[in-house]
Amino acid sequence: MFNSNLGYYNFFKLNRGLTNPIINLTNNIGLTEAETQEDIWQLFNNFLCSEIENEIFRPEEPIRVFGKLEGDKIIRKHIKQELKRRNSKTVQLAKTLALKNNNGRLKCECCNFDFVDFYGQLGMNFIECHHKIHISTGERITKIEDLALVCSNCHRMLHRRLEDGNYHEIETLKKIIMDNKGQ
C-alpha cells in the first residue's frame, strides 16, 4: 500500500477537513512552498499515467495567496484560557526581585540578553517569563523558583519540542548557547 505522507506533511487544516492545494500544506522539515510543490510532485509522479503527465498543470512558481485567516474563535478561547491559568502576581514578583538583584536590569537567564542594552529605554523592564513546570501539567501553586526570566528567542527554544518529545530545561539551553559561543 502506498503511503504518501512520510510524516512531515500535514494534510489536515483545522475546521476545513482534508485539503489539497499545496499552498495550504504545512511541513515540519522547513521546506519552502516551491520545495514542497516539487516534493509532492515527486511523491505522486510514479502513480500518474505517463500519457497525461505533460497535461497536468504544473506552474513554474507556486501560486501566491496574500493572506491567511487569523484570529478565529479557537485562538481567542485558547488565549483566554491561558490568561485564566496564570498568576501574574507571581510573575511580577519574580521580575521585581530580579530588578533588585541585578541593579535594575532584567537579563535572560539562558543567554544573558539585556533588552536595555539592545533597545535602550524601549527595553526597560521587559522580559518574558517561562514556567519551568508547564502550565498544561495541571493546577498547582507556582513559586518564584518555578519561573525563569528569559528573552523572547530563548523562550521559544524552551517551548520547542525535541525529537524525543521533551523540552529543553534552562540549564540544557544554557549549555547549547555556551557551546555555540565557543565555536
Foldseek 3Di string as FASTA:
>chain_A
DQDLCPPFKDQQDPPPGGDDQLVPIGGDPDDDSQRSLVSSCVSCVVVDDPVCPVVDDDDPDRDDDDDDDDDDPVVVVVVVVVVVLDDVVQVVVLLVVCCVVPVRWDAALQQRDTQCVVPNPVRRSDWDKDQQPDSVVDDDDDHSVRIGTHHPVVNVQQVDADPVRHGDGSVVSSVVNVVVVVD
